[in-house]
PDB file of N, CA and C in Angstrom:
ATOM      1  N   HIS A   1     -19.508  27.498  35.200  1.00  0.00           N
ATOM      2  CA  HIS A   1     -20.218  27.806  35.721  1.00  0.00           C
ATOM      3  C   HIS A   1     -21.427  27.639  34.774  1.00  0.00           C
ATOM      4  N   GLY A   2     -21.167  26.983  34.123  1.00  0.00           N
ATOM      5  CA  GLY A   2     -23.031  26.600  32.713  1.00  0.00           C
ATOM      6  C   GLY A   2     -22.766  28.257  31.751  1.00  0.00           C
ATOM      7  N   SER A   3     -24.499  28.352  32.092  1.00  0.00           N
ATOM      8  CA  SER A   3     -25.082  29.555  31.290  1.00  0.00           C
ATOM      9  C   SER A   3     -24.365  30.744  32.408  1.00  0.00           C
ATOM     10  N   GLU A   4     -24.246  30.700  32.911  1.00  0.00           N
ATOM     11  CA  GLU A   4     -23.254  31.797  33.873  1.00  0.00           C
ATOM     12  C   GLU A   4     -22.807  32.974  33.312  1.00  0.00           C
ATOM     13  N   ALA A   5     -21.417  32.371  32.923  1.00  0.00           N
ATOM     14  CA  ALA A   5     -20.415  32.902  32.885  1.00  0.00           C
ATOM     15  C   ALA A   5     -19.699  31.963  31.947  1.00  0.00           C
ATOM     16  N   ARG A   6     -18.763  32.947  31.422  1.00  0.00           N
ATOM     17  CA  ARG A   6     -18.488  31.865  29.901  1.00  0.00           C
ATOM     18  C   ARG A   6     -16.631  32.757  30.111  1.00  0.00           C
ATOM     19  N   ALA A   7     -15.588  32.025  29.475  1.00  0.00           N
ATOM     20  CA  ALA A   7     -14.458  31.717  29.639  1.00  0.00           C
ATOM     21  C   ALA A   7     -13.885  31.713  28.298  1.00  0.00           C
ATOM     22  N   ARG A   8     -13.128  32.181  27.857  1.00  0.00           N
ATOM     23  CA  ARG A   8     -11.484  32.382  26.583  1.00  0.00           C
ATOM     24  C   ARG A   8     -11.008  32.746  26.807  1.00  0.00           C
ATOM     25  N   ILE A   9      -9.503  31.963  25.889  1.00  0.00           N
ATOM     26  CA  ILE A   9      -8.405  32.441  26.604  1.00  0.00           C
ATOM     27  C   ILE A   9      -8.296  33.239  25.344  1.00  0.00           C
ATOM     28  N   LEU A  10      -7.919  34.534  25.642  1.00  0.00           N
ATOM     29  CA  LEU A  10      -7.453  35.413  24.509  1.00  0.00           C
ATOM     30  C   LEU A  10      -5.826  35.640  24.450  1.00  0.00           C
ATOM     31  N   LYS A  11      -4.696  34.753  25.274  1.00  0.00           N
ATOM     32  CA  LYS A  11      -3.278  35.466  25.157  1.00  0.00           C
ATOM     33  C   LYS A  11      -2.489  33.918  25.658  1.00  0.00           C
ATOM     34  N   PHE A  12      -2.110  33.014  25.043  1.00  0.00           N
ATOM     35  CA  PHE A  12      -1.234  32.217  25.850  1.00  0.00           C
ATOM     36  C   PHE A  12       0.117  32.103  25.771  1.00  0.00           C
ATOM     37  N   GLU A  13       1.091  33.100  26.327  1.00  0.00           N
ATOM     38  CA  GLU A  13       2.415  33.592  25.893  1.00  0.00           C
ATOM     39  C   GLU A  13       3.406  33.127  26.624  1.00  0.00           C
ATOM     40  N   GLY A  14       4.753  32.470  26.741  1.00  0.00           N
ATOM     41  CA  GLY A  14       5.481  32.235  27.945  1.00  0.00           C
ATOM     42  C   GLY A  14       4.628  31.336  28.913  1.00  0.00           C
ATOM     43  N   ASP A  15       4.840  32.153  30.044  1.00  0.00           N
ATOM     44  CA  ASP A  15       3.718  31.854  31.812  1.00  0.00           C
ATOM     45  C   ASP A  15       2.590  32.496  31.655  1.00  0.00           C
ATOM     46  N   GLU A  16       2.274  33.204  30.881  1.00  0.00           N
ATOM     47  CA  GLU A  16       1.338  33.437  31.040  1.00  0.00           C
ATOM     48  C   GLU A  16       0.268  33.993  30.308  1.00  0.00           C
ATOM     49  N   VAL A  17      -0.734  33.361  30.760  1.00  0.00           N
ATOM     50  CA  VAL A  17      -2.267  33.203  30.241  1.00  0.00           C
ATOM     51  C   VAL A  17      -3.453  34.128  30.387  1.00  0.00           C
ATOM     52  N   ILE A  18      -4.089  35.476  29.542  1.00  0.00           N
ATOM     53  CA  ILE A  18      -4.977  35.762  29.343  1.00  0.00           C
ATOM     54  C   ILE A  18      -6.784  35.326  29.487  1.00  0.00           C
ATOM     55  N   ILE A  19      -7.271  35.253  29.691  1.00  0.00           N
ATOM     56  CA  ILE A  19      -8.615  34.673  29.820  1.00  0.00           C
ATOM     57  C   ILE A  19      -9.782  35.701  30.064  1.00  0.00           C
ATOM     58  N   GLU A  20     -10.621  36.040  29.433  1.00  0.00           N
ATOM     59  CA  GLU A  20     -12.092  36.325  29.689  1.00  0.00           C
ATOM     60  C   GLU A  20     -13.114  36.277  29.983  1.00  0.00           C
ATOM     61  N   PHE A  21     -13.252  36.836  31.229  1.00  0.00           N
ATOM     62  CA  PHE A  21     -14.637  35.781  31.353  1.00  0.00           C
ATOM     63  C   PHE A  21     -16.049  36.925  31.044  1.00  0.00           C
ATOM     64  N   GLU A  22     -17.039  36.730  30.423  1.00  0.00           N
ATOM     65  CA  GLU A  22     -17.719  37.554  30.185  1.00  0.00           C
ATOM     66  C   GLU A  22     -18.717  36.141  30.835  1.00  0.00           C
ATOM     67  N   GLY A  23     -20.660  37.110  31.060  1.00  0.00           N
ATOM     68  CA  GLY A  23     -21.914  36.579  31.130  1.00  0.00           C
ATOM     69  C   GLY A  23     -22.443  37.558  32.616  1.00  0.00           C
ATOM     70  N   SER A  24     -23.569  37.515  33.188  1.00  0.00           N
ATOM     71  CA  SER A  24     -24.153  37.356  34.756  1.00  0.00           C
ATOM     72  C   SER A  24     -23.884  36.394  35.650  1.00  0.00           C
ATOM     73  N   PHE A  25     -22.804  36.797  36.674  1.00  0.00           N
ATOM     74  CA  PHE A  25     -22.237  36.462  37.454  1.00  0.00           C
ATOM     75  C   PHE A  25     -22.603  36.761  38.817  1.00  0.00           C
ATOM     76  N   CYS A  26     -22.614  35.536  39.604  1.00  0.00           N
ATOM     77  CA  CYS A  26     -23.713  35.360  40.746  1.00  0.00           C
ATOM     78  C   CYS A  26     -23.153  36.141  41.955  1.00  0.00           C
ATOM     79  N   ALA A  27     -23.580  37.567  42.106  1.00  0.00           N
ATOM     80  CA  ALA A  27     -23.319  38.226  43.426  1.00  0.00           C
ATOM     81  C   ALA A  27     -22.662  37.519  44.658  1.00  0.00           C
ATOM     82  N   THR A  28     -23.338  36.804  45.070  1.00  0.00           N
ATOM     83  CA  THR A  28     -23.154  35.807  46.522  1.00  0.00           C
ATOM     84  C   THR A  28     -22.447  34.802  46.309  1.00  0.00           C
ATOM     85  N   CYS A  29     -22.184  34.118  44.896  1.00  0.00           N
ATOM     86  CA  CYS A  29     -20.886  33.378  44.724  1.00  0.00           C
ATOM     87  C   CYS A  29     -19.488  34.107  45.621  1.00  0.00           C
ATOM     88  N   GLY A  30     -19.474  35.357  44.624  1.00  0.00           N
ATOM     89  CA  GLY A  30     -18.057  36.004  45.363  1.00  0.00           C
ATOM     90  C   GLY A  30     -17.564  35.853  43.587  1.00  0.00           C
ATOM     91  N   LEU A  31     -17.569  36.677  43.162  1.00  0.00           N
ATOM     92  CA  LEU A  31     -17.031  37.234  41.748  1.00  0.00           C
ATOM     93  C   LEU A  31     -15.656  36.848  41.546  1.00  0.00           C
ATOM     94  N   TYR A  32     -14.767  36.526  43.005  1.00  0.00           N
ATOM     95  CA  TYR A  32     -13.126  36.196  42.703  1.00  0.00           C
ATOM     96  C   TYR A  32     -13.232  34.935  42.255  1.00  0.00           C
ATOM     97  N   ASP A  33     -14.272  34.359  42.871  1.00  0.00           N
ATOM     98  CA  ASP A  33     -14.465  32.709  42.362  1.00  0.00           C
ATOM     99  C   ASP A  33     -14.092  31.960  41.247  1.00  0.00           C
ATOM    100  N   TYR A  34     -15.049  32.756  40.488  1.00  0.00           N
ATOM    101  CA  TYR A  34     -14.813  32.505  39.090  1.00  0.00           C
ATOM    102  C   TYR A  34     -13.868  32.190  38.745  1.00  0.00           C
ATOM    103  N   PHE A  35     -12.818  33.257  39.152  1.00  0.00           N
ATOM    104  CA  PHE A  35     -11.569  32.997  38.302  1.00  0.00           C
ATOM    105  C   PHE A  35     -10.707  31.984  39.767  1.00  0.00           C
ATOM    106  N   ASP A  36     -10.963  31.719  39.931  1.00  0.00           N
ATOM    107  CA  ASP A  36     -10.293  30.589  40.788  1.00  0.00           C
ATOM    108  C   ASP A  36     -10.823  29.111  40.213  1.00  0.00           C
ATOM    109  N   ASP A  37     -11.974  28.707  39.016  1.00  0.00           N
ATOM    110  CA  ASP A  37     -12.588  27.576  39.591  1.00  0.00           C
ATOM    111  C   ASP A  37     -11.788  27.473  38.004  1.00  0.00           C
ATOM    112  N   ILE A  38     -11.216  28.262  36.922  1.00  0.00           N
ATOM    113  CA  ILE A  38     -10.801  28.253  35.943  1.00  0.00           C
ATOM    114  C   ILE A  38      -9.545  27.046  36.600  1.00  0.00           C
ATOM    115  N   LYS A  39      -8.691  27.574  37.854  1.00  0.00           N
ATOM    116  CA  LYS A  39      -7.466  26.609  38.412  1.00  0.00           C
ATOM    117  C   LYS A  39      -7.482  25.362  38.325  1.00  0.00           C
ATOM    118  N   TRP A  40      -8.900  25.098  39.241  1.00  0.00           N
ATOM    119  CA  TRP A  40      -8.825  24.172  39.129  1.00  0.00           C
ATOM    120  C   TRP A  40      -9.207  22.968  37.758  1.00  0.00           C
ATOM    121  N   GLU A  41     -10.050  23.720  37.005  1.00  0.00           N
ATOM    122  CA  GLU A  41     -10.374  23.084  35.650  1.00  0.00           C
ATOM    123  C   GLU A  41      -8.570  22.590  34.988  1.00  0.00           C
ATOM    124  N   ALA A  42      -8.131  24.176  35.365  1.00  0.00           N
ATOM    125  CA  ALA A  42      -7.047  23.012  34.257  1.00  0.00           C
ATOM    126  C   ALA A  42      -5.850  22.144  34.987  1.00  0.00           C
ATOM    127  N   ARG A  43      -6.054  22.352  36.458  1.00  0.00           N
ATOM    128  CA  ARG A  43      -5.987  20.745  36.573  1.00  0.00           C
ATOM    129  C   ARG A  43      -5.220  19.721  36.074  1.00  0.00           C
ATOM    130  N   ASP A  44      -7.121  19.284  36.273  1.00  0.00           N
ATOM    131  CA  ASP A  44      -7.634  18.087  35.436  1.00  0.00           C
ATOM    132  C   ASP A  44      -6.584  18.214  34.368  1.00  0.00           C
ATOM    133  N   LEU A  45      -6.266  19.295  33.442  1.00  0.00           N
ATOM    134  CA  LEU A  45      -5.130  18.310  32.193  1.00  0.00           C
ATOM    135  C   LEU A  45      -3.613  19.197  32.124  1.00  0.00           C
ATOM    136  N   GLY A  46      -3.595  19.237  33.911  1.00  0.00           N
ATOM    137  CA  GLY A  46      -2.013  18.987  33.828  1.00  0.00           C
ATOM    138  C   GLY A  46      -1.739  20.703  34.177  1.00  0.00           C
ATOM    139  N   LEU A  47      -1.890  21.307  34.249  1.00  0.00           N
ATOM    140  CA  LEU A  47      -1.490  22.927  34.361  1.00  0.00           C
ATOM    141  C   LEU A  47      -1.893  23.439  35.531  1.00  0.00           C
ATOM    142  N   GLU A  48      -1.139  24.005  35.743  1.00  0.00           N
ATOM    143  CA  GLU A  48      -0.746  24.989  37.688  1.00  0.00           C
ATOM    144  C   GLU A  48      -1.446  26.407  36.836  1.00  0.00           C
ATOM    145  N   LEU A  49      -2.680  26.970  36.615  1.00  0.00           N
ATOM    146  CA  LEU A  49      -2.938  28.083  36.450  1.00  0.00           C
ATOM    147  C   LEU A  49      -3.276  29.320  37.736  1.00  0.00           C
ATOM    148  N   GLU A  50      -2.599  29.978  38.663  1.00  0.00           N
ATOM    149  CA  GLU A  50      -2.608  31.071  39.103  1.00  0.00           C
ATOM    150  C   GLU A  50      -2.887  32.344  38.747  1.00  0.00           C
ATOM    151  N   PRO A  51      -4.542  33.371  39.698  1.00  0.00           N
ATOM    152  CA  PRO A  51      -4.953  34.658  38.654  1.00  0.00           C
ATOM    153  C   PRO A  51      -3.979  35.381  39.407  1.00  0.00           C
ATOM    154  N   VAL A  52      -3.311  36.438  39.013  1.00  0.00           N
ATOM    155  CA  VAL A  52      -2.281  37.304  39.168  1.00  0.00           C
ATOM    156  C   VAL A  52      -3.327  39.304  39.167  1.00  0.00           C
ATOM    157  N   GLU A  53      -3.670  39.222  37.541  1.00  0.00           N
ATOM    158  CA  GLU A  53      -4.271  40.558  38.110  1.00  0.00           C
ATOM    159  C   GLU A  53      -6.040  40.550  37.134  1.00  0.00           C
ATOM    160  N   VAL A  54      -6.404  40.927  37.477  1.00  0.00           N
ATOM    161  CA  VAL A  54      -7.117  41.563  36.612  1.00  0.00           C
ATOM    162  C   VAL A  54      -7.675  42.788  36.484  1.00  0.00           C
ATOM    163  N   LEU A  55      -7.442  42.404  34.686  1.00  0.00           N
ATOM    164  CA  LEU A  55      -6.646  43.154  33.296  1.00  0.00           C
ATOM    165  C   LEU A  55      -7.657  44.762  33.234  1.00  0.00           C
ATOM    166  N   GLU A  56      -9.254  44.494  33.713  1.00  0.00           N
ATOM    167  CA  GLU A  56     -10.254  44.961  32.671  1.00  0.00           C
ATOM    168  C   GLU A  56     -11.378  44.686  33.398  1.00  0.00           C
ATOM    169  N   ALA A  57     -12.000  45.427  33.826  1.00  0.00           N
ATOM    170  CA  ALA A  57     -13.129  45.167  34.504  1.00  0.00           C
ATOM    171  C   ALA A  57     -14.325  45.891  33.965  1.00  0.00           C
ATOM    172  N   GLU A  58     -15.709  45.424  33.640  1.00  0.00           N
ATOM    173  CA  GLU A  58     -16.454  46.164  33.159  1.00  0.00           C
ATOM    174  C   GLU A  58     -17.261  45.285  33.739  1.00  0.00           C
ATOM    175  N   GLU A  59     -18.370  46.260  34.231  1.00  0.00           N
ATOM    176  CA  GLU A  59     -20.495  45.889  35.375  1.00  0.00           C
ATOM    177  C   GLU A  59     -21.299  46.992  34.528  1.00  0.00           C
ATOM    178  N   ASP A  60     -22.476  46.421  34.332  1.00  0.00           N
ATOM    179  CA  ASP A  60     -23.652  47.136  34.488  1.00  0.00           C
ATOM    180  C   ASP A  60     -24.585  47.177  36.107  1.00  0.00           C
ATOM    181  N   ASP A  61     -25.428  47.306  35.893  1.00  0.00           N
ATOM    182  CA  ASP A  61     -26.643  47.243  36.914  1.00  0.00           C
ATOM    183  C   ASP A  61     -26.969  45.757  37.917  1.00  0.00           C
ATOM    184  N   PHE A  62     -26.573  45.170  36.666  1.00  0.00           N
ATOM    185  CA  PHE A  62     -27.600  43.875  37.007  1.00  0.00           C
ATOM    186  C   PHE A  62     -27.008  42.581  37.047  1.00  0.00           C
ATOM    187  N   GLU A  63     -25.135  42.557  37.400  1.00  0.00           N
ATOM    188  CA  GLU A  63     -24.889  41.455  38.033  1.00  0.00           C
ATOM    189  C   GLU A  63     -24.163  40.737  37.024  1.00  0.00           C
ATOM    190  N   HIS A  64     -23.836  42.023  35.333  1.00  0.00           N
ATOM    191  CA  HIS A  64     -22.975  41.103  34.062  1.00  0.00           C
ATOM    192  C   HIS A  64     -22.461  42.058  34.009  1.00  0.00           C
ATOM    193  N   GLY A  65     -21.028  41.153  33.496  1.00  0.00           N
ATOM    194  CA  GLY A  65     -20.040  41.805  33.168  1.00  0.00           C
ATOM    195  C   GLY A  65     -19.002  41.307  32.468  1.00  0.00           C
ATOM    196  N   ARG A  66     -17.729  41.747  32.507  1.00  0.00           N
ATOM    197  CA  ARG A  66     -16.290  41.945  31.017  1.00  0.00           C
ATOM    198  C   ARG A  66     -15.443  41.162  32.283  1.00  0.00           C
ATOM    199  N   TYR A  67     -14.485  40.426  31.894  1.00  0.00           N
ATOM    200  CA  TYR A  67     -13.563  40.532  32.922  1.00  0.00           C
ATOM    201  C   TYR A  67     -12.233  40.180  32.089  1.00  0.00           C
ATOM    202  N   VAL A  68     -10.873  40.706  31.914  1.00  0.00           N
ATOM    203  CA  VAL A  68     -10.214  40.544  31.925  1.00  0.00           C
ATOM    204  C   VAL A  68      -9.110  39.786  33.028  1.00  0.00           C
ATOM    205  N   VAL A  69      -8.260  38.250  33.065  1.00  0.00           N
ATOM    206  CA  VAL A  69      -7.774  38.105  33.854  1.00  0.00           C
ATOM    207  C   VAL A  69      -6.032  37.610  33.510  1.00  0.00           C
ATOM    208  N   ARG A  70      -5.479  38.621  34.291  1.00  0.00           N
ATOM    209  CA  ARG A  70      -4.218  37.496  33.794  1.00  0.00           C
ATOM    210  C   ARG A  70      -4.217  36.762  34.921  1.00  0.00           C
ATOM    211  N   TYR A  71      -3.270  35.047  34.459  1.00  0.00           N
ATOM    212  CA  TYR A  71      -3.018  34.515  35.199  1.00  0.00           C
ATOM    213  C   TYR A  71      -1.108  33.996  35.475  1.00  0.00           C
ATOM    214  N   ARG A  72      -0.491  33.458  36.282  1.00  0.00           N
ATOM    215  CA  ARG A  72       0.978  32.512  35.965  1.00  0.00           C
ATOM    216  C   ARG A  72       0.711  31.170  35.229  1.00  0.00           C
ATOM    217  N   LEU A  73       1.249  30.613  34.886  1.00  0.00           N
ATOM    218  CA  LEU A  73       1.236  29.379  34.081  1.00  0.00           C
ATOM    219  C   LEU A  73       2.525  28.441  35.221  1.00  0.00           C
ATOM    220  N   GLY A  74       2.330  27.794  35.600  1.00  0.00           N
ATOM    221  CA  GLY A  74       3.224  26.829  36.431  1.00  0.00           C
ATOM    222  C   GLY A  74       3.645  25.926  35.483  1.00  0.00           C
ATOM    223  N   ARG A  75       2.579  24.840  35.764  1.00  0.00           N
ATOM    224  CA  ARG A  75       3.598  23.548  35.028  1.00  0.00           C
ATOM    225  C   ARG A  75       2.987  23.620  33.723  1.00  0.00           C
ATOM    226  N   LYS A  76       3.892  23.358  32.560  1.00  0.00           N
ATOM    227  CA  LYS A  76       3.194  23.079  31.160  1.00  0.00           C
ATOM    228  C   LYS A  76       2.828  21.182  30.998  1.00  0.00           C
ATOM    229  N   PRO A  77       2.059  21.005  30.105  1.00  0.00           N
ATOM    230  CA  PRO A  77       2.121  19.847  29.565  1.00  0.00           C
ATOM    231  C   PRO A  77       2.758  18.949  28.931  1.00  0.00           C
ATOM    232  N   ILE A  78       2.985  17.842  28.791  1.00  0.00           N
ATOM    233  CA  ILE A  78       3.589  17.207  28.240  1.00  0.00           C
ATOM    234  C   ILE A  78       3.457  16.403  27.449  1.00  0.00           C
ATOM    235  N   LEU A  79       3.172  16.584  25.727  1.00  0.00           N
ATOM    236  CA  LEU A  79       2.503  15.895  25.494  1.00  0.00           C
ATOM    237  C   LEU A  79       3.827  15.174  24.327  1.00  0.00           C
ATOM    238  N   ALA A  80       2.518  13.633  23.918  1.00  0.00           N
ATOM    239  CA  ALA A  80       3.725  12.186  23.811  1.00  0.00           C
ATOM    240  C   ALA A  80       3.297  12.651  22.162  1.00  0.00           C
ATOM    241  N   MET A  81       4.069  11.983  21.641  1.00  0.00           N
ATOM    242  CA  MET A  81       3.953  11.844  20.278  1.00  0.00           C
ATOM    243  C   MET A  81       4.058  10.511  19.905  1.00  0.00           C
ATOM    244  N   GLY A  82       2.335   9.768  19.365  1.00  0.00           N
ATOM    245  CA  GLY A  82       2.326   8.690  18.609  1.00  0.00           C
ATOM    246  C   GLY A  82       3.225   8.103  17.817  1.00  0.00           C
ATOM    247  N   GLY A  83       3.949   6.796  17.879  1.00  0.00           N
ATOM    248  CA  GLY A  83       4.631   6.250  16.909  1.00  0.00           C
ATOM    249  C   GLY A  83       6.265   6.280  16.596  1.00  0.00           C
ATOM    250  N   LYS A  84       6.368   7.450  17.507  1.00  0.00           N
ATOM    251  CA  LYS A  84       7.395   7.795  17.409  1.00  0.00           C
ATOM    252  C   LYS A  84       8.315   7.090  18.915  1.00  0.00           C
ATOM    253  N   ASP A  85      10.242   6.565  18.681  1.00  0.00           N
ATOM    254  CA  ASP A  85      10.430   5.685  19.550  1.00  0.00           C
ATOM    255  C   ASP A  85      11.358   6.405  20.433  1.00  0.00           C
TER     256      ASP A  85
END
């Protein structure tokens, strides 16, 4: 969502990923659409993420907020080692 909201990974352990969202969220787009969009971006990297729970939510009066969301990781990427047989 470009300059509207930013996401950053706070924790990645086992099958759990914690992602923080912060910014000016478009109220007409639907807040949870931002959380769902990350799973589509992850698919491009070979990952399956599913939002499970909003752990923290802070909002002000003008569509700005900070949200911490827990995701479940389905499939992990397979990394190939170059030059190894």
